[in-house]
N, C-alpha and C. Protein backbone atom coordinates (compact mmCIF):
# COMPACT_ATOMS: atom_id res chain seq x y z
N MET A 1 1.80 -44.32 -3.62
CA MET A 1 0.52 -43.74 -3.79
C MET A 1 -0.09 -42.54 -4.91
N LEU A 2 -1.30 -43.12 -5.59
CA LEU A 2 -1.12 -42.25 -7.29
C LEU A 2 -2.74 -41.59 -6.88
N MET A 3 -2.10 -40.26 -7.40
CA MET A 3 -3.30 -39.72 -7.31
C MET A 3 -4.29 -39.60 -8.51
N THR A 4 -5.42 -39.00 -8.87
CA THR A 4 -5.98 -38.71 -9.94
C THR A 4 -5.69 -37.53 -10.11
N HIS A 5 -5.63 -36.75 -11.65
CA HIS A 5 -5.68 -35.81 -11.58
C HIS A 5 -6.38 -34.80 -11.05
N ALA A 6 -7.72 -34.32 -10.42
CA ALA A 6 -8.27 -33.74 -9.93
C ALA A 6 -7.02 -33.87 -9.21
N GLU A 7 -6.81 -34.53 -8.36
CA GLU A 7 -5.59 -34.70 -7.23
C GLU A 7 -4.74 -33.57 -7.18
N LEU A 8 -4.16 -33.66 -8.51
CA LEU A 8 -2.89 -32.80 -8.78
C LEU A 8 -3.24 -31.67 -9.34
N VAL A 9 -4.44 -31.42 -9.56
CA VAL A 9 -4.74 -29.87 -10.17
C VAL A 9 -4.87 -28.94 -8.48
N ILE A 10 -5.79 -29.98 -7.44
CA ILE A 10 -5.97 -29.64 -5.91
C ILE A 10 -3.74 -29.15 -5.88
N GLN A 11 -3.61 -29.68 -5.93
CA GLN A 11 -2.53 -30.05 -5.48
C GLN A 11 -1.25 -28.75 -5.94
N ASN A 12 -1.64 -28.70 -7.76
CA ASN A 12 -1.07 -27.96 -7.81
C ASN A 12 -1.40 -25.97 -7.83
N ALA A 13 -2.99 -25.83 -7.03
CA ALA A 13 -3.43 -25.13 -7.39
C ALA A 13 -2.39 -24.65 -5.48
N MET A 14 -3.35 -25.18 -4.74
CA MET A 14 -2.52 -25.26 -3.49
C MET A 14 -1.52 -24.05 -3.22
N ALA A 15 0.12 -24.92 -4.29
CA ALA A 15 1.00 -24.57 -4.54
C ALA A 15 1.67 -22.76 -4.79
N PHE A 16 0.18 -22.80 -6.06
CA PHE A 16 0.07 -21.39 -6.59
C PHE A 16 -0.78 -20.94 -5.57
N VAL A 17 -1.49 -21.27 -5.14
CA VAL A 17 -1.86 -20.10 -4.13
C VAL A 17 -0.62 -19.30 -2.66
N ALA A 18 -0.31 -20.70 -2.12
CA ALA A 18 0.97 -20.96 -1.44
C ALA A 18 2.35 -18.93 -1.58
N ALA A 19 2.67 -19.76 -3.15
CA ALA A 19 3.66 -19.03 -3.35
C ALA A 19 3.51 -18.11 -3.67
N SER A 20 1.89 -17.04 -4.10
CA SER A 20 1.34 -15.63 -4.37
C SER A 20 1.32 -14.97 -2.83
N ARG A 21 1.39 -15.82 -2.42
CA ARG A 21 0.58 -15.75 -0.83
C ARG A 21 2.34 -14.81 -0.13
N SER A 22 2.92 -16.08 -0.34
CA SER A 22 4.32 -14.92 0.13
C SER A 22 5.15 -14.06 -0.71
N ALA A 23 5.25 -14.30 -1.63
CA ALA A 23 5.74 -12.90 -2.88
C ALA A 23 4.74 -11.53 -2.11
N ARG A 24 3.21 -12.05 -1.91
CA ARG A 24 2.54 -10.94 -1.32
C ARG A 24 3.31 -10.28 -0.77
N GLU A 25 3.46 -11.21 0.50
CA GLU A 25 3.94 -10.64 1.99
C GLU A 25 5.12 -10.63 1.85
N ARG A 26 6.53 -11.06 0.96
CA ARG A 26 7.51 -10.29 0.72
C ARG A 26 7.67 -8.82 0.44
N ASP A 27 6.87 -8.42 -0.87
CA ASP A 27 6.19 -7.63 -1.48
C ASP A 27 5.70 -6.23 -0.81
N LEU A 28 4.93 -6.69 0.17
CA LEU A 28 4.80 -5.67 1.35
C LEU A 28 5.26 -5.49 2.74
N GLU A 29 6.71 -6.12 3.01
CA GLU A 29 7.34 -5.70 3.90
C GLU A 29 8.43 -5.41 2.49
N ARG A 30 8.81 -5.06 1.74
CA ARG A 30 10.17 -3.84 1.26
C ARG A 30 9.09 -3.29 0.92
N ARG A 31 8.18 -2.78 0.46
CA ARG A 31 7.18 -1.98 0.36
C ARG A 31 7.36 -1.40 1.66
N GLU A 32 6.82 -1.70 2.65
CA GLU A 32 6.64 -1.08 4.26
C GLU A 32 7.92 -0.68 4.52
N LYS A 33 9.78 -0.87 3.88
CA LYS A 33 10.79 -0.95 4.23
C LYS A 33 11.18 0.04 3.97
N LEU A 34 10.68 0.59 2.42
CA LEU A 34 10.71 1.40 1.25
C LEU A 34 10.15 3.08 1.92
N LEU A 35 9.28 2.83 1.60
CA LEU A 35 8.34 3.70 3.08
C LEU A 35 8.92 4.22 3.77
N ALA A 36 9.43 3.68 4.72
CA ALA A 36 9.76 4.48 6.24
C ALA A 36 11.04 5.16 5.59
N ARG A 37 12.14 5.12 4.80
CA ARG A 37 13.41 4.99 3.78
C ARG A 37 12.73 6.83 3.49
N ILE A 38 11.50 6.48 2.93
CA ILE A 38 11.91 7.73 1.72
C ILE A 38 11.30 8.43 3.37
N GLN A 39 10.26 8.22 4.02
CA GLN A 39 9.69 9.31 5.36
C GLN A 39 11.23 10.04 5.87
N LEU A 40 12.07 9.60 6.32
CA LEU A 40 12.65 9.58 6.76
C LEU A 40 14.01 10.82 6.03
N MET A 41 14.36 9.88 4.59
CA MET A 41 14.42 11.17 4.09
C MET A 41 14.61 12.75 3.78
N ARG A 42 13.04 12.71 3.49
CA ARG A 42 12.29 13.58 3.37
C ARG A 42 11.50 13.94 4.24
N PRO A 43 12.18 15.59 4.12
CA PRO A 43 11.28 16.37 5.32
C PRO A 43 10.41 17.00 4.69
N PRO A 44 9.43 17.95 5.81
CA PRO A 44 8.05 18.07 4.83
C PRO A 44 8.56 18.53 4.39
N ASN A 45 8.30 19.81 3.02
CA ASN A 45 7.09 20.86 2.53
C ASN A 45 6.89 22.14 3.15
N PRO A 46 7.30 23.24 4.02
CA PRO A 46 6.52 24.22 4.70
C PRO A 46 5.82 24.78 3.52
N TYR A 47 5.77 24.98 2.44
CA TYR A 47 4.39 25.24 1.24
C TYR A 47 3.46 23.98 1.49
N LEU A 48 2.98 23.37 1.82
CA LEU A 48 2.58 22.35 2.17
C LEU A 48 2.23 21.88 2.65
N VAL A 49 2.73 21.88 4.31
CA VAL A 49 2.49 21.75 5.71
C VAL A 49 1.43 22.69 6.10
N LYS A 50 0.04 22.26 6.58
CA LYS A 50 -0.70 23.51 7.41
C LYS A 50 0.35 24.06 8.49
N THR A 51 -0.01 25.66 9.25
CA THR A 51 0.57 25.43 10.44
C THR A 51 -0.28 26.10 10.92
N ARG A 52 -1.92 26.31 10.06
CA ARG A 52 -2.26 27.89 11.01
C ARG A 52 -3.68 27.12 10.39
N GLY A 53 -4.68 27.59 10.89
CA GLY A 53 -6.30 27.56 9.91
C GLY A 53 -6.36 28.18 9.20
N GLY A 54 -7.05 27.71 8.27
CA GLY A 54 -6.84 29.30 7.34
C GLY A 54 -8.02 30.02 7.68
N GLU A 55 -8.53 31.09 6.50
CA GLU A 55 -9.10 32.51 7.15
C GLU A 55 -10.34 32.21 6.14
N GLN A 56 -11.45 32.47 6.43
CA GLN A 56 -12.81 32.53 6.12
C GLN A 56 -12.86 34.31 4.94
N LEU A 57 -12.99 34.29 3.81
CA LEU A 57 -12.57 35.84 2.96
C LEU A 57 -14.14 35.72 3.19
N LYS A 58 -14.32 37.32 3.62
CA LYS A 58 -15.22 37.93 2.89
C LYS A 58 -16.02 38.66 2.14
N LEU A 59 -17.46 37.96 1.33
CA LEU A 59 -17.25 38.55 -0.11
C LEU A 59 -19.31 39.12 0.18
N ASP A 60 -19.05 40.54 0.03
CA ASP A 60 -19.94 41.30 -0.26
C ASP A 60 -20.56 40.99 -0.98
N LEU A 61 -21.72 39.88 -1.24
CA LEU A 61 -22.78 39.41 -2.39
C LEU A 61 -24.29 40.48 -2.27
N ASP A 62 -24.03 41.23 -1.61
CA ASP A 62 -25.73 42.25 -1.83
C ASP A 62 -25.22 43.22 -1.50
N ARG A 63 -25.04 43.17 -2.72
CA ARG A 63 -25.03 44.56 -3.98
C ARG A 63 -25.89 44.73 -5.33
């Protein structure tokens, strides 16, 4: 079957979209696995984790 130039362009574009989608999905899976490993490796920093609520400071502004 003989394809016109427009049909070839459309076919190439669709192939590019499919390749791009598969690369994006592979990258997303790799990123999820990497972030899961990082979360397992790093314990939370006790100085950054808020253990209780903060306190409101009283300021005497009526002087």
